[in-house]
């Protein structure tokens, strides 16, 4: 099987775990300096850029596991299923349980993601392999399992500084060969947003920041640990 550009199509399912960009429910740590409406617009741009990268990645299945309702930001070609109830570890575990064969999960908070960054985890899935994308704040932005096993996620403490370390160790303890993806910063704070926009200046996310009018000074504090990074956050 080949993709639109003539390249091979990976047999991996590419999963995006996300929350619908509703004011007051997403990117709450951007307020202040941004208003809830501005934060939701930034979140929508981040999700749209992420889905663009997913659509440009040659995989057999593209799955959005969504908390909320789809909106006009959803492009064709993405299958949507609702997130289950429970903690973030349970929701990620359920996303993997919905897959047969290799699966790679990312969030909506790394709009700088690209097909090239994801490619190593898609090229040659082998039994016993796992792929881990570490995040700057100590967690992870991507997790790939050649043989999805929800038990590898359940019970991992989320939204804490050691989330990434504990999750990686869980993979090692299961006897998996853990391969590394690039280290990325995900967007938690206004400072994160500025740094990520500088890494990907031509996307919707960067344009959304350029069009915003922060209500206060941008934070210079380091990002707190509450993501799929320092623990996959509120996707």
Protein backbone atom coordinates (compact mmCIF):
# COMPACT_ATOMS: atom_id res chain seq x y z
CA UNK A 1 0.00 0.00 0.00
CA UNK A 2 1.28 3.49 -0.81
CA UNK A 3 0.32 6.98 0.28
CA UNK A 4 -0.80 9.93 -1.80
CA UNK A 5 2.82 10.95 -2.34
CA UNK A 6 3.81 7.44 -3.40
CA UNK A 7 5.41 6.46 -0.09
CA UNK A 8 4.49 3.39 1.94
CA UNK A 9 1.54 3.53 4.32
CA UNK A 10 2.31 2.39 7.85
CA UNK A 11 0.03 -0.20 9.41
CA UNK A 12 0.05 1.81 12.64
CA UNK A 13 -3.01 3.57 14.05
CA UNK A 14 -2.17 7.19 14.85
CA UNK A 15 -4.20 8.40 17.85
CA UNK A 16 -4.76 11.98 19.00
CA UNK A 17 -6.13 12.35 22.53
CA UNK A 18 -7.77 15.77 22.79
CA UNK A 19 -10.33 18.00 24.42
CA UNK A 20 -12.76 20.10 22.37
CA UNK A 21 -11.60 23.75 22.39
CA UNK A 22 -14.37 25.24 24.54
CA UNK A 23 -13.69 28.49 26.48
CA UNK A 24 -13.15 27.81 30.15
CA UNK A 25 -12.41 24.10 29.59
CA UNK A 26 -9.12 24.14 27.70
CA UNK A 27 -5.78 25.83 28.20
CA UNK A 28 -6.95 27.26 31.51
CA UNK A 29 -3.34 27.90 32.53
CA UNK A 30 -3.13 30.48 29.75
CA UNK A 31 -5.64 32.64 31.64
CA UNK A 32 -4.24 35.05 32.47
CA UNK A 33 -2.66 36.55 30.44
CA UNK A 34 -5.16 35.39 27.81
CA UNK A 35 -8.92 35.46 28.19
CA UNK A 36 -10.79 32.11 28.17
CA UNK A 37 -11.96 32.88 24.62
CA UNK A 38 -8.40 33.59 23.46
CA UNK A 39 -7.14 30.46 25.22
CA UNK A 40 -9.78 28.37 23.45
CA UNK A 41 -8.81 29.91 20.10
CA UNK A 42 -5.16 29.03 20.79
CA UNK A 43 -6.19 25.49 21.76
CA UNK A 44 -8.20 25.13 18.55
CA UNK A 45 -5.20 26.24 16.50
CA UNK A 46 -2.96 23.77 18.33
CA UNK A 47 -5.40 20.95 17.67
CA UNK A 48 -5.82 21.96 14.02
CA UNK A 49 -2.06 21.98 13.43
CA UNK A 50 -1.79 18.59 15.12
CA UNK A 51 -4.53 17.12 12.94
CA UNK A 52 -2.86 18.59 9.83
CA UNK A 53 0.32 16.70 10.76
CA UNK A 54 -1.69 13.53 11.34
CA UNK A 55 -3.37 13.82 7.94
CA UNK A 56 0.02 14.29 6.28
CA UNK A 57 1.37 11.14 7.95
CA UNK A 58 0.88 7.96 5.89
CA UNK A 59 -0.92 5.60 8.28
CA UNK A 60 -3.79 3.18 7.82
CA UNK A 61 -6.01 4.71 10.51
CA UNK A 62 -6.25 8.17 12.09
CA UNK A 63 -8.22 8.27 15.32
CA UNK A 64 -9.26 11.30 17.40
CA UNK A 65 -10.24 10.29 20.93
CA UNK A 66 -12.19 13.35 21.98
CA UNK A 67 -13.54 14.81 25.21
CA UNK A 68 -16.41 16.94 23.88
CA UNK A 69 -18.04 17.45 20.53
CA UNK A 70 -16.37 17.82 17.12
CA UNK A 71 -16.50 21.30 15.57
CA UNK A 72 -15.66 22.98 12.27
CA UNK A 73 -11.99 22.54 13.14
CA UNK A 74 -12.27 18.79 12.39
CA UNK A 75 -11.04 17.95 8.86
CA UNK A 76 -12.28 14.99 6.82
CA UNK A 77 -10.32 11.79 7.13
CA UNK A 78 -10.22 11.61 10.93
CA UNK A 79 -12.25 8.98 12.78
CA UNK A 80 -13.70 10.30 16.06
CA UNK A 81 -14.55 8.32 19.18
CA UNK A 82 -15.41 9.68 22.64
CA UNK A 83 -13.03 9.50 25.55
CA UNK A 84 -14.07 7.14 28.31
CA UNK A 85 -14.69 8.24 31.87
CA UNK A 86 -12.00 8.04 34.50
CA UNK A 87 -8.54 9.38 35.11
CA UNK A 88 -6.11 10.22 32.37
CA UNK A 89 -4.33 6.87 32.69
CA UNK A 90 -7.65 5.10 32.12
CA UNK A 91 -8.49 7.29 29.14
CA UNK A 92 -5.15 6.67 27.46
CA UNK A 93 -5.42 2.95 28.22
CA UNK A 94 -8.89 2.88 26.63
CA UNK A 95 -7.57 4.64 23.53
CA UNK A 96 -4.99 1.90 23.04
CA UNK A 97 -7.61 -0.76 23.76
CA UNK A 98 -9.61 0.57 20.78
CA UNK A 99 -6.76 -0.42 18.44
CA UNK A 100 -5.63 -3.63 16.86
CA UNK A 101 -2.04 -3.78 15.76
CA UNK A 102 0.59 -1.08 16.34
CA UNK A 103 -0.59 2.26 17.70
CA UNK A 104 1.06 5.62 18.35
CA UNK A 105 -0.66 8.14 20.63
CA UNK A 106 0.00 11.88 20.81
CA UNK A 107 -1.83 14.83 22.35
CA UNK A 108 -3.02 18.21 21.11
CA UNK A 109 -0.43 20.29 22.95
CA UNK A 110 2.51 19.91 20.57
CA UNK A 111 1.47 21.83 17.44
CA UNK A 112 5.09 21.70 16.24
CA UNK A 113 4.71 17.96 15.62
CA UNK A 114 5.36 16.83 12.06
CA UNK A 115 5.30 13.64 9.99
CA UNK A 116 9.10 13.62 10.13
CA UNK A 117 9.08 13.61 13.94
CA UNK A 118 6.62 10.70 13.98
CA UNK A 119 8.24 8.71 11.17
CA UNK A 120 10.71 6.64 13.26
CA UNK A 121 7.84 5.13 15.26
CA UNK A 122 5.96 4.20 12.09
CA UNK A 123 8.61 2.84 9.78
CA UNK A 124 9.19 -0.70 11.02
CA UNK A 125 6.98 -1.80 13.94
CA UNK A 126 8.48 -4.89 15.55
CA UNK A 127 7.08 -7.10 18.30
CA UNK A 128 8.27 -6.02 21.71
CA UNK A 129 8.97 -2.44 20.66
CA UNK A 130 7.71 0.73 22.35
CA UNK A 131 8.32 4.33 21.32
CA UNK A 132 8.59 7.11 23.88
CA UNK A 133 8.54 10.84 23.16
CA UNK A 134 9.88 12.70 26.19
CA UNK A 135 8.67 16.21 26.95
CA UNK A 136 10.64 19.11 28.33
CA UNK A 137 8.68 19.20 31.58
CA UNK A 138 9.47 15.61 32.52
CA UNK A 139 6.54 13.79 31.03
CA UNK A 140 5.84 12.48 27.54
CA UNK A 141 4.16 13.80 24.41
CA UNK A 142 4.02 10.53 22.46
CA UNK A 143 3.73 6.85 23.26
CA UNK A 144 3.86 4.05 20.72
CA UNK A 145 3.12 0.38 21.34
CA UNK A 146 3.63 -2.28 18.69
CA UNK A 147 1.32 -4.52 20.70
CA UNK A 148 -1.13 -2.27 22.57
CA UNK A 149 -1.60 -3.33 26.17
CA UNK A 150 -3.81 -1.07 28.32
CA UNK A 151 -2.25 -2.46 31.50
CA UNK A 152 0.96 -0.62 30.63
CA UNK A 153 -0.89 2.67 31.27
CA UNK A 154 -3.29 1.95 34.11
CA UNK A 155 -2.00 3.13 37.46
CA UNK A 156 0.73 5.40 36.08
CA UNK A 157 0.51 8.65 38.08
CA UNK A 158 -0.46 11.44 35.72
CA UNK A 159 0.04 15.20 35.97
CA UNK A 160 3.07 14.91 38.22
CA UNK A 161 6.75 15.57 37.59
CA UNK A 162 7.68 11.87 37.52
CA UNK A 163 5.00 10.77 35.05
CA UNK A 164 7.44 10.28 32.19
CA UNK A 165 9.98 8.43 34.31
CA UNK A 166 7.35 6.09 35.74
CA UNK A 167 5.80 5.41 32.33
CA UNK A 168 9.14 4.67 30.71
CA UNK A 169 10.07 2.34 33.58
CA UNK A 170 6.73 0.56 33.19
CA UNK A 171 7.66 -0.19 29.58
CA UNK A 172 11.11 -1.47 30.55
CA UNK A 173 9.65 -3.62 33.32
CA UNK A 174 7.34 -5.24 30.78
CA UNK A 175 10.42 -6.37 28.84
CA UNK A 176 9.85 -3.97 25.93
CA UNK A 177 12.59 -2.40 23.85
CA UNK A 178 12.03 1.32 24.39
CA UNK A 179 13.03 3.53 21.47
CA UNK A 180 13.14 7.29 21.75
CA UNK A 181 11.42 9.96 19.69
CA UNK A 182 12.58 13.59 19.76
CA UNK A 183 12.12 15.64 22.92
CA UNK A 184 9.42 18.32 22.57
CA UNK A 185 7.94 21.12 24.60
CA UNK A 186 4.20 21.06 24.97
CA UNK A 187 2.03 24.09 25.61
CA UNK A 188 1.02 24.62 29.23
CA UNK A 189 1.77 28.28 29.89
CA UNK A 190 2.00 31.50 27.90
CA UNK A 191 5.77 31.17 27.98
CA UNK A 192 5.53 27.67 26.51
CA UNK A 193 3.21 29.01 23.82
CA UNK A 194 5.71 31.65 22.74
CA UNK A 195 8.58 29.15 22.60
CA UNK A 196 6.55 26.58 20.64
CA UNK A 197 5.29 29.23 18.21
CA UNK A 198 8.91 30.19 17.53
CA UNK A 199 9.66 26.55 16.65
CA UNK A 200 6.74 26.40 14.19
CA UNK A 201 6.21 29.99 13.03
CA UNK A 202 4.12 29.22 9.94
CA UNK A 203 1.26 27.23 11.46
CA UNK A 204 -2.16 28.17 12.76
CA UNK A 205 -0.83 28.05 16.31
CA UNK A 206 1.76 30.78 15.74
CA UNK A 207 -0.81 32.89 13.91
CA UNK A 208 -3.26 32.49 16.78
CA UNK A 209 -0.70 33.92 19.19
CA UNK A 210 0.10 36.78 16.85
CA UNK A 211 -3.61 37.65 16.71
CA UNK A 212 -4.17 37.47 20.46
CA UNK A 213 -4.22 40.35 22.92
CA UNK A 214 -2.98 39.07 26.28
CA UNK A 215 -4.64 40.72 29.27
CA UNK A 216 -1.46 40.67 31.34
CA UNK A 217 2.30 40.04 31.16
CA UNK A 218 3.42 36.70 29.80
CA UNK A 219 4.59 34.35 32.51
CA UNK A 220 8.32 33.75 32.87
CA UNK A 221 7.77 30.87 35.29
CA UNK A 222 8.75 27.36 34.21
CA UNK A 223 5.83 25.17 33.15
CA UNK A 224 4.14 23.22 35.90
CA UNK A 225 3.85 19.49 35.62
CA UNK A 226 0.35 18.73 34.44
CA UNK A 227 0.54 17.33 30.92
CA UNK A 228 0.98 14.09 28.97
CA UNK A 229 4.33 15.29 29.53
CA UNK A 230 4.72 15.87 33.19
CA UNK A 231 1.82 13.62 32.99
CA UNK A 232 -0.54 13.62 30.00
CA UNK A 233 -2.87 16.36 31.04
CA UNK A 234 -6.46 17.29 30.38
CA UNK A 235 -6.75 16.15 26.79
